[in-house]
Amino acid sequence: MADHDRQDGNRRGPVIALVVVVLLFVVGWILTQMLYSNGRLEDCLLSGRTNCAPIQTPSR
């Protein structure tokens, strides 16, 4: 019986591992998106254009 109780109560490790994997995925996704947008901006600038960055206007 003690072995059965130990198996049921020891689910913390896999849950922590799953949280770490999900967190790494989210951080990787955000980093990929940031690098992609910076790459597009650099490509635009290196092609000689001057209007590459979007202009943000205050909304009224």
PDB file of N, CA and C in Angstrom:
ATOM      1  N   MET A   1       0.799  -1.198   0.000  1.00  0.00           N
ATOM      2  CA  MET A   1       0.000   0.000   0.000  1.00  0.00           C
ATOM      3  C   MET A   1       0.847   1.270   0.000  1.00  0.00           C
ATOM      4  N   ALA A   2       1.983   1.249   0.701  1.00  0.00           N
ATOM      5  CA  ALA A   2       2.814   2.445   0.781  1.00  0.00           C
ATOM      6  C   ALA A   2       3.390   2.797  -0.584  1.00  0.00           C
ATOM      7  N   ASP A   3       3.705   1.793  -1.399  1.00  0.00           N
ATOM      8  CA  ASP A   3       4.232   2.055  -2.741  1.00  0.00           C
ATOM      9  C   ASP A   3       3.185   2.724  -3.626  1.00  0.00           C
ATOM     10  N   HIS A   4       1.937   2.310  -3.467  1.00  0.00           N
ATOM     11  CA  HIS A   4       0.847   2.901  -4.247  1.00  0.00           C
ATOM     12  C   HIS A   4       0.641   4.367  -3.869  1.00  0.00           C
ATOM     13  N   ASP A   5       0.718   4.681  -2.581  1.00  0.00           N
ATOM     14  CA  ASP A   5       0.563   6.061  -2.137  1.00  0.00           C
ATOM     15  C   ASP A   5       1.706   6.940  -2.630  1.00  0.00           C
ATOM     16  N   ARG A   6       2.886   6.404  -2.685  1.00  0.00           N
ATOM     17  CA  ARG A   6       4.041   7.169  -3.136  1.00  0.00           C
ATOM     18  C   ARG A   6       3.906   7.525  -4.619  1.00  0.00           C
ATOM     19  N   GLN A   7       3.380   6.635  -5.425  1.00  0.00           N
ATOM     20  CA  GLN A   7       3.228   6.899  -6.862  1.00  0.00           C
ATOM     21  C   GLN A   7       2.168   7.957  -7.118  1.00  0.00           C
ATOM     22  N   ASP A   8       1.081   7.938  -6.371  1.00  0.00           N
ATOM     23  CA  ASP A   8       0.026   8.923  -6.576  1.00  0.00           C
ATOM     24  C   ASP A   8       0.458  10.324  -6.144  1.00  0.00           C
ATOM     25  N   GLY A   9       1.257  10.422  -5.107  1.00  0.00           N
ATOM     26  CA  GLY A   9       1.653  11.720  -4.592  1.00  0.00           C
ATOM     27  C   GLY A   9       2.857  12.318  -5.291  1.00  0.00           C
ATOM     28  N   ASN A  10       3.489  11.599  -6.186  1.00  0.00           N
ATOM     29  CA  ASN A  10       4.712  12.079  -6.817  1.00  0.00           C
ATOM     30  C   ASN A  10       4.447  12.515  -8.254  1.00  0.00           C
ATOM     31  N   ARG A  11       3.485  13.373  -8.434  1.00  0.00           N
ATOM     32  CA  ARG A  11       3.180  13.900  -9.773  1.00  0.00           C
ATOM     33  C   ARG A  11       3.748  15.300  -9.959  1.00  0.00           C
ATOM     34  N   ARG A  12       4.401  15.801  -8.949  1.00  0.00           N
ATOM     35  CA  ARG A  12       4.931  17.165  -9.015  1.00  0.00           C
ATOM     36  C   ARG A  12       6.040  17.284 -10.061  1.00  0.00           C
ATOM     37  N   GLY A  13       6.900  16.273 -10.162  1.00  0.00           N
ATOM     38  CA  GLY A  13       8.022  16.320 -11.100  1.00  0.00           C
ATOM     39  C   GLY A  13       7.591  16.443 -12.554  1.00  0.00           C
ATOM     40  N   PRO A  14       6.687  15.579 -13.040  1.00  0.00           N
ATOM     41  CA  PRO A  14       6.239  15.711 -14.429  1.00  0.00           C
ATOM     42  C   PRO A  14       5.499  17.016 -14.700  1.00  0.00           C
ATOM     43  N   VAL A  15       4.755  17.511 -13.720  1.00  0.00           N
ATOM     44  CA  VAL A  15       4.042  18.776 -13.903  1.00  0.00           C
ATOM     45  C   VAL A  15       5.035  19.924 -14.021  1.00  0.00           C
ATOM     46  N   ILE A  16       6.057  19.921 -13.193  1.00  0.00           N
ATOM     47  CA  ILE A  16       7.087  20.961 -13.266  1.00  0.00           C
ATOM     48  C   ILE A  16       7.810  20.881 -14.612  1.00  0.00           C
ATOM     49  N   ALA A  17       8.101  19.670 -15.066  1.00  0.00           N
ATOM     50  CA  ALA A  17       8.764  19.507 -16.363  1.00  0.00           C
ATOM     51  C   ALA A  17       7.889  20.037 -17.488  1.00  0.00           C
ATOM     52  N   LEU A  18       6.594  19.776 -17.420  1.00  0.00           N
ATOM     53  CA  LEU A  18       5.679  20.280 -18.445  1.00  0.00           C
ATOM     54  C   LEU A  18       5.626  21.796 -18.437  1.00  0.00           C
ATOM     55  N   VAL A  19       5.597  22.394 -17.256  1.00  0.00           N
ATOM     56  CA  VAL A  19       5.582  23.858 -17.149  1.00  0.00           C
ATOM     57  C   VAL A  19       6.867  24.446 -17.734  1.00  0.00           C
ATOM     58  N   VAL A  20       8.002  23.821 -17.461  1.00  0.00           N
ATOM     59  CA  VAL A  20       9.277  24.305 -17.991  1.00  0.00           C
ATOM     60  C   VAL A  20       9.291  24.213 -19.516  1.00  0.00           C
ATOM     61  N   VAL A  21       8.789  23.123 -20.060  1.00  0.00           N
ATOM     62  CA  VAL A  21       8.762  22.965 -21.517  1.00  0.00           C
ATOM     63  C   VAL A  21       7.853  24.005 -22.148  1.00  0.00           C
ATOM     64  N   VAL A  22       6.681  24.231 -21.570  1.00  0.00           N
ATOM     65  CA  VAL A  22       5.761  25.236 -22.106  1.00  0.00           C
ATOM     66  C   VAL A  22       6.377  26.625 -22.010  1.00  0.00           C
ATOM     67  N   LEU A  23       7.031  26.921 -20.894  1.00  0.00           N
ATOM     68  CA  LEU A  23       7.674  28.220 -20.727  1.00  0.00           C
ATOM     69  C   LEU A  23       8.785  28.422 -21.753  1.00  0.00           C
ATOM     70  N   LEU A  24       9.592  27.401 -21.990  1.00  0.00           N
ATOM     71  CA  LEU A  24      10.635  27.495 -23.007  1.00  0.00           C
ATOM     72  C   LEU A  24      10.048  27.700 -24.400  1.00  0.00           C
ATOM     73  N   PHE A  25       8.940  27.044 -24.677  1.00  0.00           N
ATOM     74  CA  PHE A  25       8.283  27.215 -25.975  1.00  0.00           C
ATOM     75  C   PHE A  25       7.797  28.649 -26.151  1.00  0.00           C
ATOM     76  N   VAL A  26       7.172  29.203 -25.126  1.00  0.00           N
ATOM     77  CA  VAL A  26       6.644  30.569 -25.213  1.00  0.00           C
ATOM     78  C   VAL A  26       7.781  31.575 -25.376  1.00  0.00           C
ATOM     79  N   VAL A  27       8.837  31.419 -24.602  1.00  0.00           N
ATOM     80  CA  VAL A  27       9.989  32.328 -24.715  1.00  0.00           C
ATOM     81  C   VAL A  27      10.625  32.200 -26.098  1.00  0.00           C
ATOM     82  N   GLY A  28      10.744  30.987 -26.608  1.00  0.00           N
ATOM     83  CA  GLY A  28      11.290  30.786 -27.950  1.00  0.00           C
ATOM     84  C   GLY A  28      10.425  31.411 -29.016  1.00  0.00           C
ATOM     85  N   TRP A  29       9.112  31.307 -28.853  1.00  0.00           N
ATOM     86  CA  TRP A  29       8.185  31.902 -29.836  1.00  0.00           C
ATOM     87  C   TRP A  29       8.317  33.428 -29.841  1.00  0.00           C
ATOM     88  N   ILE A  30       8.360  34.029 -28.668  1.00  0.00           N
ATOM     89  CA  ILE A  30       8.493  35.485 -28.573  1.00  0.00           C
ATOM     90  C   ILE A  30       9.829  35.932 -29.165  1.00  0.00           C
ATOM     91  N   LEU A  31      10.895  35.232 -28.850  1.00  0.00           N
ATOM     92  CA  LEU A  31      12.210  35.570 -29.379  1.00  0.00           C
ATOM     93  C   LEU A  31      12.239  35.443 -30.899  1.00  0.00           C
ATOM     94  N   THR A  32      11.615  34.400 -31.422  1.00  0.00           N
ATOM     95  CA  THR A  32      11.557  34.212 -32.870  1.00  0.00           C
ATOM     96  C   THR A  32      10.809  35.355 -33.542  1.00  0.00           C
ATOM     97  N   GLN A  33       9.703  35.770 -32.967  1.00  0.00           N
ATOM     98  CA  GLN A  33       8.931  36.870 -33.548  1.00  0.00           C
ATOM     99  C   GLN A  33       9.713  38.181 -33.517  1.00  0.00           C
ATOM    100  N   MET A  34      10.412  38.437 -32.426  1.00  0.00           N
ATOM    101  CA  MET A  34      11.209  39.658 -32.330  1.00  0.00           C
ATOM    102  C   MET A  34      12.346  39.653 -33.348  1.00  0.00           C
ATOM    103  N   LEU A  35      13.036  38.516 -33.476  1.00  0.00           N
ATOM    104  CA  LEU A  35      14.132  38.427 -34.440  1.00  0.00           C
ATOM    105  C   LEU A  35      13.626  38.553 -35.874  1.00  0.00           C
ATOM    106  N   TYR A  36      12.453  38.007 -36.151  1.00  0.00           N
ATOM    107  CA  TYR A  36      11.877  38.103 -37.489  1.00  0.00           C
ATOM    108  C   TYR A  36      11.550  39.554 -37.839  1.00  0.00           C
ATOM    109  N   SER A  37      10.946  40.288 -36.899  1.00  0.00           N
ATOM    110  CA  SER A  37      10.602  41.681 -37.192  1.00  0.00           C
ATOM    111  C   SER A  37      11.862  42.536 -37.332  1.00  0.00           C
ATOM    112  N   ASN A  38      12.886  42.270 -36.512  1.00  0.00           N
ATOM    113  CA  ASN A  38      14.138  43.011 -36.663  1.00  0.00           C
ATOM    114  C   ASN A  38      14.814  42.686 -37.993  1.00  0.00           C
ATOM    115  N   GLY A  39      14.743  41.445 -38.407  1.00  0.00           N
ATOM    116  CA  GLY A  39      15.319  41.060 -39.697  1.00  0.00           C
ATOM    117  C   GLY A  39      14.629  41.748 -40.860  1.00  0.00           C
ATOM    118  N   ARG A  40      13.317  41.846 -40.788  1.00  0.00           N
ATOM    119  CA  ARG A  40      12.582  42.547 -41.853  1.00  0.00           C
ATOM    120  C   ARG A  40      12.967  44.019 -41.908  1.00  0.00           C
ATOM    121  N   LEU A  41      13.114  44.643 -40.726  1.00  0.00           N
ATOM    122  CA  LEU A  41      13.506  46.048 -40.670  1.00  0.00           C
ATOM    123  C   LEU A  41      14.918  46.231 -41.234  1.00  0.00           C
ATOM    124  N   GLU A  42      15.838  45.348 -40.883  1.00  0.00           N
ATOM    125  CA  GLU A  42      17.201  45.438 -41.399  1.00  0.00           C
ATOM    126  C   GLU A  42      17.230  45.230 -42.910  1.00  0.00           C
ATOM    127  N   ASP A  43      16.452  44.288 -43.425  1.00  0.00           N
ATOM    128  CA  ASP A  43      16.391  44.075 -44.870  1.00  0.00           C
ATOM    129  C   ASP A  43      15.887  45.321 -45.586  1.00  0.00           C
ATOM    130  N   CYS A  44      14.889  45.961 -45.014  1.00  0.00           N
ATOM    131  CA  CYS A  44      14.348  47.175 -45.607  1.00  0.00           C
ATOM    132  C   CYS A  44      15.398  48.286 -45.608  1.00  0.00           C
ATOM    133  N   LEU A  45      16.070  48.456 -44.471  1.00  0.00           N
ATOM    134  CA  LEU A  45      17.080  49.513 -44.380  1.00  0.00           C
ATOM    135  C   LEU A  45      18.260  49.249 -45.311  1.00  0.00           C
ATOM    136  N   LEU A  46      18.684  47.995 -45.413  1.00  0.00           N
ATOM    137  CA  LEU A  46      19.820  47.669 -46.267  1.00  0.00           C
ATOM    138  C   LEU A  46      19.484  47.790 -47.752  1.00  0.00           C
ATOM    139  N   SER A  47      18.205  47.769 -48.081  1.00  0.00           N
ATOM    140  CA  SER A  47      17.835  47.945 -49.487  1.00  0.00           C
ATOM    141  C   SER A  47      17.793  49.419 -49.876  1.00  0.00           C
ATOM    142  N   GLY A  48      18.026  50.317 -48.922  1.00  0.00           N
ATOM    143  CA  GLY A  48      18.139  51.735 -49.227  1.00  0.00           C
ATOM    144  C   GLY A  48      16.867  52.523 -48.996  1.00  0.00           C
ATOM    145  N   ARG A  49      15.848  51.909 -48.480  1.00  0.00           N
ATOM    146  CA  ARG A  49      14.601  52.638 -48.221  1.00  0.00           C
ATOM    147  C   ARG A  49      14.742  53.478 -46.959  1.00  0.00           C
ATOM    148  N   THR A  50      13.951  54.536 -46.902  1.00  0.00           N
ATOM    149  CA  THR A  50      14.001  55.410 -45.728  1.00  0.00           C
ATOM    150  C   THR A  50      12.713  55.361 -44.913  1.00  0.00           C
ATOM    151  N   ASN A  51      11.690  54.702 -45.402  1.00  0.00           N
ATOM    152  CA  ASN A  51      10.406  54.658 -44.692  1.00  0.00           C
ATOM    153  C   ASN A  51      10.111  53.252 -44.187  1.00  0.00           C
ATOM    154  N   CYS A  52      11.060  52.638 -43.531  1.00  0.00           N
ATOM    155  CA  CYS A  52      10.923  51.240 -43.120  1.00  0.00           C
ATOM    156  C   CYS A  52      10.145  51.069 -41.819  1.00  0.00           C
ATOM    157  N   ALA A  53      10.388  51.905 -40.856  1.00  0.00           N
ATOM    158  CA  ALA A  53       9.737  51.750 -39.556  1.00  0.00           C
ATOM    159  C   ALA A  53       8.320  52.311 -39.624  1.00  0.00           C
ATOM    160  N   PRO A  54       7.368  51.599 -39.071  1.00  0.00           N
ATOM    161  CA  PRO A  54       5.991  52.125 -39.061  1.00  0.00           C
ATOM    162  C   PRO A  54       5.899  53.362 -38.177  1.00  0.00           C
ATOM    163  N   ILE A  55       5.162  54.322 -38.639  1.00  0.00           N
ATOM    164  CA  ILE A  55       4.972  55.559 -37.899  1.00  0.00           C
ATOM    165  C   ILE A  55       3.747  55.392 -37.010  1.00  0.00           C
ATOM    166  N   GLN A  56       3.939  55.636 -35.724  1.00  0.00           N
ATOM    167  CA  GLN A  56       2.825  55.538 -34.797  1.00  0.00           C
ATOM    168  C   GLN A  56       2.268  56.938 -34.545  1.00  0.00           C
ATOM    169  N   THR A  57       0.999  57.095 -34.812  1.00  0.00           N
ATOM    170  CA  THR A  57       0.336  58.379 -34.578  1.00  0.00           C
ATOM    171  C   THR A  57      -0.584  58.240 -33.371  1.00  0.00           C
ATOM    172  N   PRO A  58      -0.701  59.282 -32.593  1.00  0.00           N
ATOM    173  CA  PRO A  58      -1.601  59.198 -31.451  1.00  0.00           C
ATOM    174  C   PRO A  58      -3.053  59.110 -31.924  1.00  0.00           C
ATOM    175  N   SER A  59      -3.811  58.222 -31.332  1.00  0.00           N
ATOM    176  CA  SER A  59      -5.208  58.082 -31.719  1.00  0.00           C
ATOM    177  C   SER A  59      -6.047  59.080 -30.924  1.00  0.00           C
ATOM    178  N   ARG A  60      -7.008  59.638 -31.590  1.00  0.00           N
ATOM    179  CA  ARG A  60      -7.855  60.657 -30.951  1.00  0.00           C
ATOM    180  C   ARG A  60      -9.201  60.112 -30.658  1.00  0.00           C
TER     181      ARG A  60
END
